[in-house]
Amino acid sequence: MKHFGQSSAICDSGKFLII
């Protein structure tokens, strides 16, 4: 799991989740 910037964007197993 990787966090991008200060947003709640998480890239998990090639999946992008914007919370």
PDB file of N, CA and C in Angstrom:
ATOM      1  N   MET A   1       0.840  -1.194   0.000  1.00  0.00           N
ATOM      2  CA  MET A   1       0.000   0.000   0.000  1.00  0.00           C
ATOM      3  C   MET A   1       0.883   1.254   0.000  1.00  0.00           C
ATOM      4  N   LYS A   2       0.532   2.191  -0.874  1.00  0.00           N
ATOM      5  CA  LYS A   2       1.339   3.419  -0.964  1.00  0.00           C
ATOM      6  C   LYS A   2       0.444   4.640  -0.867  1.00  0.00           C
ATOM      7  N   HIS A   3       0.926   5.627  -0.150  1.00  0.00           N
ATOM      8  CA  HIS A   3       0.156   6.864  -0.028  1.00  0.00           C
ATOM      9  C   HIS A   3       0.746   7.926  -0.946  1.00  0.00           C
ATOM     10  N   PHE A   4      -0.120   8.628  -1.636  1.00  0.00           N
ATOM     11  CA  PHE A   4       0.335   9.668  -2.563  1.00  0.00           C
ATOM     12  C   PHE A   4      -0.046  11.042  -2.044  1.00  0.00           C
ATOM     13  N   GLY A   5       0.947  11.897  -1.858  1.00  0.00           N
ATOM     14  CA  GLY A   5       0.670  13.261  -1.406  1.00  0.00           C
ATOM     15  C   GLY A   5      -0.053  13.272  -0.071  1.00  0.00           C
ATOM     16  N   GLN A   6      -0.770  14.356   0.195  1.00  0.00           N
ATOM     17  CA  GLN A   6      -1.510  14.461   1.455  1.00  0.00           C
ATOM     18  C   GLN A   6      -2.954  14.032   1.263  1.00  0.00           C
ATOM     19  N   SER A   7      -3.310  13.700   0.018  1.00  0.00           N
ATOM     20  CA  SER A   7      -4.687  13.273  -0.245  1.00  0.00           C
ATOM     21  C   SER A   7      -4.877  11.847   0.260  1.00  0.00           C
ATOM     22  N   SER A   8      -6.107  11.378   0.233  1.00  0.00           N
ATOM     23  CA  SER A   8      -6.392  10.026   0.703  1.00  0.00           C
ATOM     24  C   SER A   8      -6.383   9.055  -0.477  1.00  0.00           C
ATOM     25  N   ALA A   9      -5.375   9.214  -1.325  1.00  0.00           N
ATOM     26  CA  ALA A   9      -5.287   8.336  -2.489  1.00  0.00           C
ATOM     27  C   ALA A   9      -4.399   7.144  -2.152  1.00  0.00           C
ATOM     28  N   ILE A  10      -4.965   5.964  -2.263  1.00  0.00           N
ATOM     29  CA  ILE A  10      -4.208   4.758  -1.934  1.00  0.00           C
ATOM     30  C   ILE A  10      -4.171   3.815  -3.129  1.00  0.00           C
ATOM     31  N   CYS A  11      -2.966   3.377  -3.481  1.00  0.00           N
ATOM     32  CA  CYS A  11      -2.830   2.441  -4.599  1.00  0.00           C
ATOM     33  C   CYS A  11      -2.519   1.060  -4.027  1.00  0.00           C
ATOM     34  N   ASP A  12      -3.477   0.168  -4.148  1.00  0.00           N
ATOM     35  CA  ASP A  12      -3.307  -1.162  -3.578  1.00  0.00           C
ATOM     36  C   ASP A  12      -3.490  -2.226  -4.653  1.00  0.00           C
ATOM     37  N   SER A  13      -2.455  -2.977  -4.910  1.00  0.00           N
ATOM     38  CA  SER A  13      -2.510  -4.063  -5.905  1.00  0.00           C
ATOM     39  C   SER A  13      -3.046  -3.568  -7.249  1.00  0.00           C
ATOM     40  N   GLY A  14      -2.561  -2.418  -7.681  1.00  0.00           N
ATOM     41  CA  GLY A  14      -2.987  -1.895  -8.981  1.00  0.00           C
ATOM     42  C   GLY A  14      -4.368  -1.272  -8.930  1.00  0.00           C
ATOM     43  N   LYS A  15      -4.897  -1.122  -7.718  1.00  0.00           N
ATOM     44  CA  LYS A  15      -6.241  -0.528  -7.580  1.00  0.00           C
ATOM     45  C   LYS A  15      -6.116   0.860  -6.976  1.00  0.00           C
ATOM     46  N   PHE A  16      -6.864   1.795  -7.522  1.00  0.00           N
ATOM     47  CA  PHE A  16      -6.808   3.165  -7.010  1.00  0.00           C
ATOM     48  C   PHE A  16      -8.059   3.484  -6.207  1.00  0.00           C
ATOM     49  N   LEU A  17      -7.847   3.858  -4.957  1.00  0.00           N
ATOM     50  CA  LEU A  17      -8.980   4.176  -4.093  1.00  0.00           C
ATOM     51  C   LEU A  17      -8.871   5.605  -3.589  1.00  0.00           C
ATOM     52  N   ILE A  18      -9.823   6.438  -3.967  1.00  0.00           N
ATOM     53  CA  ILE A  18      -9.827   7.831  -3.517  1.00  0.00           C
ATOM     54  C   ILE A  18     -10.902   8.000  -2.451  1.00  0.00           C
ATOM     55  N   ILE A  19     -10.462   8.184  -1.219  1.00  0.00           N
ATOM     56  CA  ILE A  19     -11.427   8.323  -0.130  1.00  0.00           C
ATOM     57  C   ILE A  19     -11.396   9.760   0.385  1.00  0.00           C
TER      58      ILE A  19
END
